[in-house]
Amino acid sequence: MRIILADSHGEVMGKEQTSPNLSLLYLASYLRGKANFKIDFKYIPQSKSLTYHFNLINRFRPDIYAVSFTSFTALTTYKTIQKIKQLFPNVLVICGGPHVTYTPEEVLKISGADICVIGEGEESFFEIILNYKNKTDFLDNINGIAYLKNGSVEKTPSRKIISDINAIPFPARDLVNNKDYCGLTYSKARPNTEMVVVRGCPQRCVFCANPVFRLKNEVLFRARSPENIVEEVKQLYQIGYREIYLHSDELNVHLKWAVEVCKAISQLNLKDLYFQTNLRVEPISEEFVYWLKKANFWMVRVGIESTSNRVLKGIKKNTDFAAIEKACKLLRKQNIKVFGFMMLFNFWEQENSLQNETTEEVKKSISDIYKLWRKGLIQYSSWAYACPVQGSEFYEIAKKYHLINDYFYPSDTWNSYDFLQGVSVKEFKKLYASARMQQAIMALFSGNYEWRNYKGITRKIIHLIKNFFRI
């Protein structure tokens, strides 16, 4: 059997992909471990053109084309699938990812795909492959999928999430070529890559699309054991990687577990292997930060979003500016750099009323981040404006208050200043340009920027200049 695993070509997300789509590589490793027949895989990274997709299908002649995509790349993916079904009608097209999980009916009807996998993909995908291999037609017995039957969409019962994620084999990294990736934007060493250490998140931030993978009455957050994580770290080191981004929504959801992970990594005593990860500003402790440093974490990424306590409460961050500053101070004690994710003009619902971040609150956030930088408490920032994404509470609020229509995609041109109260076009553009300029200055002075990604850097500089002159 031949299978293509495709990371959808992204006109919106750009061609500078930092590392491979691990969800697809997990599918390959899971099938290798479960299937008792030979499967040949080909992996297509995001950077490849649509022509590359079609040419590979023509050469490789796959039985199955499996594609993973988000709402940002949905429209491009629909066109890709339509063309594939036109040129190669016998190829079975299977879709997965957060956008597919949120709206499988739309995906099937617009794209013409054969099957959508809803939620975590490993078990459902394996059962689909068995069904195809055995030439049986029992899709209705496979939980967690949707498919077209006589022109109508059939959805099977939800599939329970995988409770023990230690049981999933490590991603099939042999399918990828490091030359297809630009590497982490900020790094200490090359080559570098990412590694998934948890699945799920117990938080309810209104801007996040993570909830599409949640099922009622099930554990939301699942973590790999420290021992399992260390085994993959050793494997990546042996392959030649010298920096790893431990991918999680926040490593310190369970502080005791996070400390144990850091201790286990530090015991490897690999002085030339560096790490970075995502954290919440709380819970945090001196012990945890100490072990982060011992494990060679040189930078952490923190979702700050805003420094206004009113805004933080509105978007359900469950923290405040005092906690943000406290966390930054603790991290500075161990000389761990902080990267802050920031969002402009957040919006939320309160008592059946649409609320939004004011221009004064945005100005305060820009000023506060600058002050933290001057104090040496934060080194990097990334600024974007709030945008509704399918599966997030943002999206539902935006629909309810008619900020978007039913045909909206985050890849569309959408200006929140057209809808939000007290936000003028001029102020919006001025503050956005100011925030992005601050981001560039911080990056320039704080170091560790990946200059080999010159295409991505050039694109950002051009974008910055355009924004500046549009003020």
Protein backbone atom coordinates (compact mmCIF):
# COMPACT_ATOMS: atom_id res chain seq x y z
CA MET A 1 0.00 0.00 0.00
CA ARG A 2 1.18 3.53 -0.80
CA ILE A 3 0.20 6.54 1.30
CA ILE A 4 1.01 10.22 0.89
CA LEU A 5 0.93 12.28 4.09
CA ALA A 6 0.56 15.92 3.08
CA ASP A 7 0.93 19.09 5.08
CA SER A 8 -1.28 21.49 3.15
CA HIS A 9 0.49 24.11 1.08
CA GLY A 10 -0.08 27.41 2.89
CA GLU A 11 -0.43 30.63 0.93
CA VAL A 12 -1.35 32.36 4.19
CA MET A 13 1.08 30.71 6.59
CA GLY A 14 4.00 31.13 4.21
CA LYS A 15 6.65 28.69 3.05
CA GLU A 16 9.06 29.13 5.98
CA GLN A 17 8.05 26.13 8.09
CA THR A 18 10.12 25.65 11.25
CA SER A 19 9.69 21.88 11.56
CA PRO A 20 7.55 19.04 10.18
CA ASN A 21 3.91 18.39 11.01
CA LEU A 22 4.35 15.87 13.80
CA SER A 23 0.69 14.82 13.76
CA LEU A 24 1.24 13.32 10.29
CA LEU A 25 4.48 11.64 11.34
CA TYR A 26 2.65 10.13 14.32
CA LEU A 27 0.14 8.58 11.89
CA ALA A 28 2.99 6.91 10.01
CA SER A 29 4.68 5.55 13.13
CA TYR A 30 1.36 4.30 14.52
CA LEU A 31 0.54 2.44 11.30
CA ARG A 32 4.03 0.94 11.15
CA GLY A 33 3.54 -0.43 14.64
CA LYS A 34 0.04 -1.83 14.08
CA ALA A 35 -0.22 -2.93 10.45
CA ASN A 36 0.88 -6.44 9.47
CA PHE A 37 1.41 -5.45 5.85
CA LYS A 38 3.89 -3.23 4.03
CA ILE A 39 3.11 0.47 3.69
CA ASP A 40 5.23 2.89 1.67
CA PHE A 41 4.93 6.50 2.85
CA LYS A 42 5.77 9.81 1.22
CA TYR A 43 5.59 13.02 3.23
CA ILE A 44 4.93 16.44 1.64
CA PRO A 45 5.98 19.46 3.73
CA GLN A 46 4.12 22.76 3.74
CA SER A 47 6.83 24.43 1.65
CA LYS A 48 6.11 22.38 -1.47
CA SER A 49 4.01 23.85 -4.28
CA LEU A 50 0.69 22.47 -5.44
CA THR A 51 2.42 21.34 -8.64
CA TYR A 52 4.76 19.27 -6.47
CA HIS A 53 1.72 17.57 -4.88
CA PHE A 54 0.27 16.64 -8.28
CA ASN A 55 3.60 15.49 -9.72
CA LEU A 56 4.31 13.27 -6.71
CA ILE A 57 0.87 11.67 -6.96
CA ASN A 58 1.47 11.02 -10.65
CA ARG A 59 4.87 9.38 -9.97
CA PHE A 60 4.15 7.59 -6.70
CA ARG A 61 0.61 6.44 -7.58
CA PRO A 62 -0.64 6.36 -3.98
CA ASP A 63 -3.71 4.49 -2.80
CA ILE A 64 -4.35 7.18 -0.21
CA TYR A 65 -3.67 10.92 0.03
CA ALA A 66 -4.02 12.07 3.65
CA VAL A 67 -3.88 15.81 4.28
CA SER A 68 -3.81 17.78 7.54
CA PHE A 69 -4.82 21.44 7.63
CA THR A 70 -6.03 24.33 9.75
CA SER A 71 -8.63 27.01 9.09
CA PHE A 72 -5.87 29.28 7.76
CA THR A 73 -5.15 26.92 4.88
CA ALA A 74 -8.66 25.50 4.37
CA LEU A 75 -9.49 27.33 1.13
CA THR A 76 -6.19 26.35 -0.49
CA THR A 77 -6.66 22.76 0.64
CA TYR A 78 -10.18 22.59 -0.78
CA LYS A 79 -8.84 23.61 -4.19
CA THR A 80 -6.02 21.07 -3.90
CA ILE A 81 -8.41 18.22 -3.09
CA GLN A 82 -10.81 19.19 -5.88
CA LYS A 83 -7.95 19.07 -8.38
CA ILE A 84 -6.67 15.74 -7.03
CA LYS A 85 -10.13 14.17 -7.32
CA GLN A 86 -10.37 15.50 -10.87
CA LEU A 87 -6.94 14.24 -11.97
CA PHE A 88 -6.74 11.09 -9.83
CA PRO A 89 -10.32 9.96 -9.08
CA ASN A 90 -9.23 6.56 -7.71
CA VAL A 91 -7.07 8.04 -4.95
CA LEU A 92 -8.80 7.93 -1.56
CA VAL A 93 -8.55 11.38 0.06
CA ILE A 94 -8.62 11.54 3.86
CA CYS A 95 -8.64 14.85 5.77
CA GLY A 96 -7.70 15.63 9.35
CA GLY A 97 -6.74 18.50 11.63
CA PRO A 98 -8.47 21.17 13.72
CA HIS A 99 -10.52 22.69 10.89
CA VAL A 100 -11.73 19.26 9.79
CA THR A 101 -12.68 18.38 13.35
CA TYR A 102 -14.70 21.58 13.70
CA THR A 103 -16.63 21.35 10.44
CA PRO A 104 -16.33 17.96 8.68
CA GLU A 105 -19.61 18.50 6.81
CA GLU A 106 -18.27 21.61 5.12
CA VAL A 107 -14.97 19.94 4.26
CA LEU A 108 -16.66 16.97 2.59
CA LYS A 109 -19.20 18.98 0.62
CA ILE A 110 -16.84 21.70 -0.64
CA SER A 111 -13.65 19.73 -1.25
CA GLY A 112 -15.06 16.41 -2.40
CA ALA A 113 -12.80 14.51 0.00
CA ASP A 114 -13.79 10.94 0.80
CA ILE A 115 -13.35 10.78 4.58
CA CYS A 116 -12.78 13.20 7.46
CA VAL A 117 -11.10 12.08 10.66
CA ILE A 118 -12.56 13.91 13.66
CA GLY A 119 -10.32 14.48 16.68
CA GLU A 120 -7.16 12.47 17.33
CA GLY A 121 -6.28 10.58 14.21
CA GLU A 122 -4.13 7.54 14.98
CA GLU A 123 -6.76 4.90 15.79
CA SER A 124 -9.39 6.08 13.30
CA PHE A 125 -6.81 6.36 10.52
CA PHE A 126 -5.53 2.83 11.20
CA GLU A 127 -9.06 1.40 11.03
CA ILE A 128 -9.74 3.24 7.76
CA ILE A 129 -6.54 1.78 6.30
CA LEU A 130 -7.58 -1.74 7.37
CA ASN A 131 -11.02 -1.17 5.87
CA TYR A 132 -9.41 -0.09 2.59
CA LYS A 133 -6.84 -2.92 2.61
CA ASN A 134 -9.50 -5.59 3.15
CA LYS A 135 -11.77 -3.99 0.54
CA THR A 136 -14.63 -3.87 3.02
CA ASP A 137 -17.23 -1.13 3.24
CA PHE A 138 -17.90 -0.77 6.94
CA LEU A 139 -17.05 2.87 7.54
CA ASP A 140 -20.12 3.16 9.78
CA ASN A 141 -18.33 0.87 12.26
CA ILE A 142 -15.35 3.22 12.58
CA ASN A 143 -15.82 5.79 15.34
CA GLY A 144 -14.60 9.36 14.94
CA ILE A 145 -15.07 9.88 11.21
CA ALA A 146 -17.41 11.52 8.70
CA TYR A 147 -17.93 10.56 5.06
CA LEU A 148 -20.25 11.08 2.13
CA LYS A 149 -22.82 8.40 1.42
CA ASN A 150 -25.22 8.87 -1.49
CA GLY A 151 -24.55 12.59 -1.40
CA SER A 152 -25.26 13.07 2.31
CA VAL A 153 -22.79 13.36 5.20
CA GLU A 154 -22.65 10.46 7.62
CA LYS A 155 -21.01 10.97 11.03
CA THR A 156 -20.10 8.09 13.29
CA PRO A 157 -20.04 8.29 17.12
CA SER A 158 -17.15 10.20 18.69
CA ARG A 159 -13.97 8.28 19.39
CA LYS A 160 -12.53 8.39 22.88
CA ILE A 161 -9.19 10.11 23.15
CA ILE A 162 -6.04 8.04 23.65
CA SER A 163 -5.56 8.01 27.42
CA ASP A 164 -1.99 6.69 27.47
CA ILE A 165 -0.02 8.76 24.97
CA ASN A 166 3.18 6.97 26.03
CA ALA A 167 1.90 4.04 23.96
CA ILE A 168 2.14 6.02 20.71
CA PRO A 169 5.44 5.36 18.89
CA PHE A 170 7.75 8.33 18.31
CA PRO A 171 7.08 10.26 15.07
CA ALA A 172 8.46 8.78 11.84
CA ARG A 173 11.11 11.44 11.30
CA ASP A 174 12.86 9.32 8.69
CA LEU A 175 10.21 10.57 6.24
CA VAL A 176 11.39 14.18 6.40
CA ASN A 177 14.32 16.15 5.01
CA ASN A 178 15.70 18.84 7.33
CA LYS A 179 16.52 21.02 4.33
CA ASP A 180 12.77 21.60 3.88
CA TYR A 181 12.61 23.56 7.16
CA CYS A 182 14.02 26.91 8.19
CA GLY A 183 14.41 25.97 11.86
CA LEU A 184 13.21 27.75 14.98
CA THR A 185 12.95 31.53 14.70
CA TYR A 186 15.12 31.98 17.81
CA SER A 187 17.66 29.29 18.58
CA LYS A 188 20.95 28.50 20.27
CA ALA A 189 21.95 25.59 18.05
CA ARG A 190 21.26 23.82 14.78
CA PRO A 191 19.81 21.58 13.60
CA ASN A 192 16.73 22.00 15.77
CA THR A 193 13.26 20.53 15.87
CA GLU A 194 10.04 20.24 17.87
CA MET A 195 8.74 17.47 20.06
CA VAL A 196 5.23 16.96 21.48
CA VAL A 197 5.19 16.18 25.21
CA VAL A 198 1.51 16.67 26.09
CA ARG A 199 -1.89 16.54 24.45
CA GLY A 200 -4.78 18.76 25.43
CA CYS A 201 -5.08 21.80 27.65
CA PRO A 202 -7.30 22.45 30.68
CA GLN A 203 -7.50 26.20 29.99
CA ARG A 204 -10.41 27.95 28.25
CA CYS A 205 -8.82 30.99 26.59
CA VAL A 206 -11.38 32.50 24.23
CA PHE A 207 -8.98 32.86 21.29
CA CYS A 208 -7.79 29.24 21.19
CA ALA A 209 -9.15 26.60 18.80
CA ASN A 210 -7.92 23.74 21.00
CA PRO A 211 -11.49 23.03 22.27
CA VAL A 212 -12.41 21.32 18.98
CA PHE A 213 -10.54 18.26 20.24
CA ARG A 214 -12.33 18.13 23.60
CA LEU A 215 -14.99 15.59 24.42
CA LYS A 216 -17.33 15.75 27.38
CA ASN A 217 -16.49 13.75 30.50
CA GLU A 218 -12.95 12.94 29.38
CA VAL A 219 -9.54 13.95 30.68
CA LEU A 220 -8.48 17.12 28.89
CA PHE A 221 -4.77 17.09 29.60
CA ARG A 222 -2.53 14.07 29.05
CA ALA A 223 1.20 14.11 29.60
CA ARG A 224 3.93 11.73 28.57
CA SER A 225 6.02 10.27 31.36
CA PRO A 226 9.44 11.85 32.02
CA GLU A 227 11.04 8.51 31.08
CA ASN A 228 9.23 8.40 27.73
CA ILE A 229 10.16 12.00 26.96
CA VAL A 230 13.82 11.37 27.77
CA GLU A 231 13.91 8.37 25.42
CA GLU A 232 12.83 10.56 22.50
CA VAL A 233 15.27 13.29 23.54
CA LYS A 234 18.09 10.74 23.39
CA GLN A 235 16.91 9.57 19.98
CA LEU A 236 16.86 13.12 18.62
CA TYR A 237 20.33 13.80 20.03
CA GLN A 238 21.69 10.66 18.38
CA ILE A 239 20.17 11.74 15.05
CA GLY A 240 22.10 14.99 15.40
CA TYR A 241 19.65 17.58 16.72
CA ARG A 242 21.14 20.09 19.13
CA GLU A 243 18.07 22.08 20.14
CA ILE A 244 14.53 20.88 20.88
CA TYR A 245 11.35 22.86 21.34
CA LEU A 246 9.25 20.86 23.81
CA HIS A 247 5.84 21.57 22.36
CA SER A 248 2.97 21.99 24.82
CA ASP A 249 0.36 24.66 25.39
CA GLU A 250 2.05 25.13 28.74
CA LEU A 251 4.64 22.80 30.27
CA ASN A 252 3.80 23.84 33.82
CA VAL A 253 0.09 22.93 33.94
CA HIS A 254 1.09 20.31 36.51
CA LEU A 255 4.16 21.73 38.23
CA LYS A 256 5.29 18.51 39.92
CA TRP A 257 5.32 16.64 36.59
CA ALA A 258 7.14 19.53 34.88
CA VAL A 259 9.87 19.48 37.54
CA GLU A 260 10.28 15.72 37.07
CA VAL A 261 10.61 16.17 33.30
CA CYS A 262 13.35 18.77 33.79
CA LYS A 263 15.16 16.59 36.30
CA ALA A 264 15.09 13.62 33.93
CA ILE A 265 16.48 15.71 31.05
CA SER A 266 19.20 17.23 33.23
CA GLN A 267 20.39 13.74 34.21
CA LEU A 268 21.30 13.12 30.56
CA ASN A 269 24.08 15.68 31.07
CA LEU A 270 24.06 16.74 27.41
CA LYS A 271 25.70 20.15 27.70
CA ASP A 272 25.47 20.92 23.98
CA LEU A 273 21.71 20.20 23.76
CA TYR A 274 19.43 23.21 24.32
CA PHE A 275 15.70 23.44 24.97
CA GLN A 276 12.82 25.88 24.80
CA THR A 277 9.14 25.45 25.64
CA ASN A 278 5.83 27.18 26.41
CA LEU A 279 4.80 28.19 29.94
CA ARG A 280 1.91 29.81 31.74
CA VAL A 281 2.95 32.55 34.12
CA GLU A 282 1.40 30.50 36.89
CA PRO A 283 1.86 28.12 38.54
CA ILE A 284 5.58 28.77 38.79
CA SER A 285 8.16 28.33 41.53
CA GLU A 286 11.85 28.87 42.18
CA GLU A 287 12.36 25.10 42.22
CA PHE A 288 10.78 24.70 38.79
CA VAL A 289 12.80 27.54 37.26
CA TYR A 290 15.98 26.11 38.82
CA TRP A 291 15.38 22.75 37.12
CA LEU A 292 14.50 24.43 33.84
CA LYS A 293 17.98 25.95 33.88
CA LYS A 294 19.62 22.68 34.94
CA ALA A 295 17.95 20.96 31.97
CA ASN A 296 19.43 23.61 29.63
CA PHE A 297 16.24 25.51 28.80
CA TRP A 298 17.53 28.86 27.56
CA MET A 299 14.18 30.40 26.56
CA VAL A 300 10.49 30.01 27.40
CA ARG A 301 7.51 31.29 25.44
CA VAL A 302 4.73 32.81 27.51
CA GLY A 303 1.20 33.71 26.39
CA ILE A 304 0.88 37.19 27.90
CA GLU A 305 -1.63 38.57 25.32
CA SER A 306 -2.28 41.83 27.23
CA THR A 307 -1.11 43.60 30.39
CA SER A 308 -4.61 44.92 31.17
CA ASN A 309 -6.21 42.93 33.98
CA ARG A 310 -9.66 43.71 32.57
CA VAL A 311 -8.69 42.22 29.22
CA LEU A 312 -6.96 39.20 30.78
CA LYS A 313 -10.12 38.41 32.72
CA GLY A 314 -12.31 38.92 29.65
CA ILE A 315 -10.34 36.52 27.45
CA LYS A 316 -10.18 33.96 30.31
CA LYS A 317 -6.43 33.91 30.83
CA ASN A 318 -6.97 33.36 34.57
CA THR A 319 -4.00 35.51 35.55
CA ASP A 320 -3.02 39.16 35.99
CA PHE A 321 -0.15 41.52 35.26
CA ALA A 322 1.37 41.06 38.73
CA ALA A 323 1.71 37.32 38.07
CA ILE A 324 3.27 38.04 34.66
CA GLU A 325 5.90 40.30 36.21
CA LYS A 326 6.58 37.83 39.04
CA ALA A 327 7.16 34.97 36.57
CA CYS A 328 9.53 37.10 34.47
CA LYS A 329 11.54 38.01 37.57
CA LEU A 330 11.88 34.36 38.62
CA LEU A 331 13.04 33.38 35.14
CA ARG A 332 15.56 36.22 35.04
CA LYS A 333 17.19 34.88 38.23
CA GLN A 334 18.25 31.83 36.23
CA ASN A 335 19.07 33.84 33.08
CA ILE A 336 16.28 32.19 31.11
CA LYS A 337 15.04 34.42 28.30
CA VAL A 338 11.33 35.17 27.94
CA PHE A 339 9.38 35.37 24.68
CA GLY A 340 5.95 36.99 25.09
CA PHE A 341 3.01 36.30 22.78
CA MET A 342 0.90 39.46 22.55
CA MET A 343 -2.48 40.24 20.97
CA LEU A 344 -3.96 43.60 20.04
CA PHE A 345 -7.63 44.51 20.31
CA ASN A 346 -8.96 41.41 22.01
CA PHE A 347 -12.71 41.01 22.29
CA TRP A 348 -15.02 38.89 24.43
CA GLU A 349 -18.58 38.60 25.68
CA GLN A 350 -19.66 39.79 29.10
CA GLU A 351 -23.24 39.73 30.37
CA ASN A 352 -24.58 39.29 26.83
CA SER A 353 -22.63 42.28 25.61
CA LEU A 354 -19.66 42.53 23.24
CA GLN A 355 -16.59 43.97 24.95
CA ASN A 356 -13.26 44.87 23.39
CA GLU A 357 -9.80 46.05 24.33
CA THR A 358 -9.56 49.84 24.08
CA THR A 359 -6.83 51.80 22.35
CA GLU A 360 -5.63 52.97 25.77
CA GLU A 361 -5.31 49.38 26.96
CA VAL A 362 -3.34 48.47 23.83
CA LYS A 363 -1.04 51.46 24.42
CA LYS A 364 -0.55 50.26 27.99
CA SER A 365 0.43 46.76 26.81
CA ILE A 366 2.99 48.15 24.35
CA SER A 367 4.39 50.45 27.04
CA ASP A 368 4.48 47.71 29.71
CA ILE A 369 6.31 45.27 27.45
CA TYR A 370 8.85 47.98 26.62
CA LYS A 371 9.39 48.61 30.36
CA LEU A 372 9.80 44.89 31.05
CA TRP A 373 12.34 44.71 28.22
CA ARG A 374 14.30 47.66 29.59
CA LYS A 375 14.38 45.94 32.99
CA GLY A 376 15.71 42.75 31.40
CA LEU A 377 12.56 40.81 32.33
CA ILE A 378 11.52 39.97 28.77
CA GLN A 379 13.66 39.66 25.65
CA TYR A 380 11.34 38.86 22.75
CA SER A 381 7.75 39.55 21.76
CA SER A 382 5.38 38.63 18.98
CA TRP A 383 2.43 40.89 18.19
CA ALA A 384 -0.72 39.98 16.26
CA TYR A 385 -4.26 41.27 16.32
CA ALA A 386 -7.12 39.13 17.58
CA CYS A 387 -8.69 37.07 14.81
CA PRO A 388 -11.56 34.56 15.05
CA VAL A 389 -10.58 31.00 14.15
CA GLN A 390 -13.03 28.14 13.70
CA GLY A 391 -13.32 26.16 16.92
CA SER A 392 -12.49 29.08 19.23
CA GLU A 393 -14.88 31.03 21.45
CA PHE A 394 -13.67 34.12 19.54
CA TYR A 395 -15.27 32.63 16.44
CA GLU A 396 -18.63 31.99 18.11
CA ILE A 397 -18.66 35.50 19.62
CA ALA A 398 -17.76 37.04 16.26
CA LYS A 399 -20.62 35.18 14.58
CA LYS A 400 -23.10 36.08 17.30
CA TYR A 401 -22.35 39.79 17.04
CA HIS A 402 -22.09 39.75 13.22
CA LEU A 403 -18.39 40.59 13.08
CA ILE A 404 -18.07 37.84 10.49
CA ASN A 405 -20.41 35.94 8.18
CA ASP A 406 -20.89 32.20 7.76
CA TYR A 407 -18.31 32.10 4.98
CA PHE A 408 -15.46 33.68 6.93
CA TYR A 409 -11.99 32.12 7.05
CA PRO A 410 -9.02 33.54 8.99
CA SER A 411 -7.17 33.76 5.66
CA ASP A 412 -9.70 36.39 4.53
CA THR A 413 -8.98 40.09 4.77
CA TRP A 414 -10.71 41.06 8.01
CA ASN A 415 -10.28 44.31 9.90
CA SER A 416 -11.55 44.34 13.46
CA TYR A 417 -11.54 48.13 13.49
CA ASP A 418 -14.59 47.97 11.21
CA PHE A 419 -16.59 46.45 14.07
CA LEU A 420 -15.06 47.18 17.47
CA GLN A 421 -16.27 50.12 19.49
CA GLY A 422 -13.93 53.10 19.86
CA VAL A 423 -11.28 51.70 17.50
CA SER A 424 -10.41 53.93 14.54
CA VAL A 425 -8.57 52.78 11.42
CA LYS A 426 -5.77 55.27 12.03
CA GLU A 427 -5.23 54.31 15.68
CA PHE A 428 -5.38 50.59 14.89
CA LYS A 429 -2.74 50.79 12.17
CA LYS A 430 -0.54 53.13 14.19
CA LEU A 431 -0.57 50.88 17.26
CA TYR A 432 -0.07 47.70 15.23
CA ALA A 433 2.92 49.24 13.42
CA SER A 434 4.33 50.46 16.74
CA ALA A 435 3.99 47.01 18.31
CA ARG A 436 5.64 45.30 15.34
CA MET A 437 8.47 47.81 15.36
CA GLN A 438 8.99 47.09 19.06
CA GLN A 439 9.07 43.37 18.24
CA ALA A 440 11.79 43.93 15.61
CA ILE A 441 13.92 46.10 17.91
CA MET A 442 13.71 43.57 20.76
CA ALA A 443 14.71 40.74 18.42
CA LEU A 444 17.65 42.71 17.05
CA PHE A 445 19.07 43.56 20.46
CA SER A 446 18.26 40.29 22.25
CA GLY A 447 20.06 38.03 19.77
CA ASN A 448 19.70 34.35 18.86
CA TYR A 449 17.71 35.19 15.72
CA GLU A 450 17.81 32.58 12.97
CA TRP A 451 19.28 34.68 10.16
CA ARG A 452 19.44 31.68 7.83
CA ASN A 453 15.69 32.14 7.44
CA TYR A 454 16.38 35.19 5.29
CA LYS A 455 13.22 34.74 3.21
CA GLY A 456 10.98 34.87 6.26
CA ILE A 457 12.92 37.78 7.73
CA THR A 458 12.70 39.72 4.46
CA ARG A 459 8.96 39.11 4.27
CA LYS A 460 8.49 40.41 7.82
CA ILE A 461 10.59 43.52 7.14
CA ILE A 462 8.56 44.30 4.01
CA HIS A 463 5.34 43.76 5.98
CA LEU A 464 6.63 46.08 8.72
CA ILE A 465 7.54 48.83 6.24
CA LYS A 466 4.17 48.55 4.49
CA ASN A 467 2.34 48.85 7.81
CA PHE A 468 4.43 51.84 8.78
CA PHE A 469 3.66 53.78 5.60
CA ARG A 470 -0.06 52.92 5.75
CA ILE A 471 -0.46 54.83 9.01
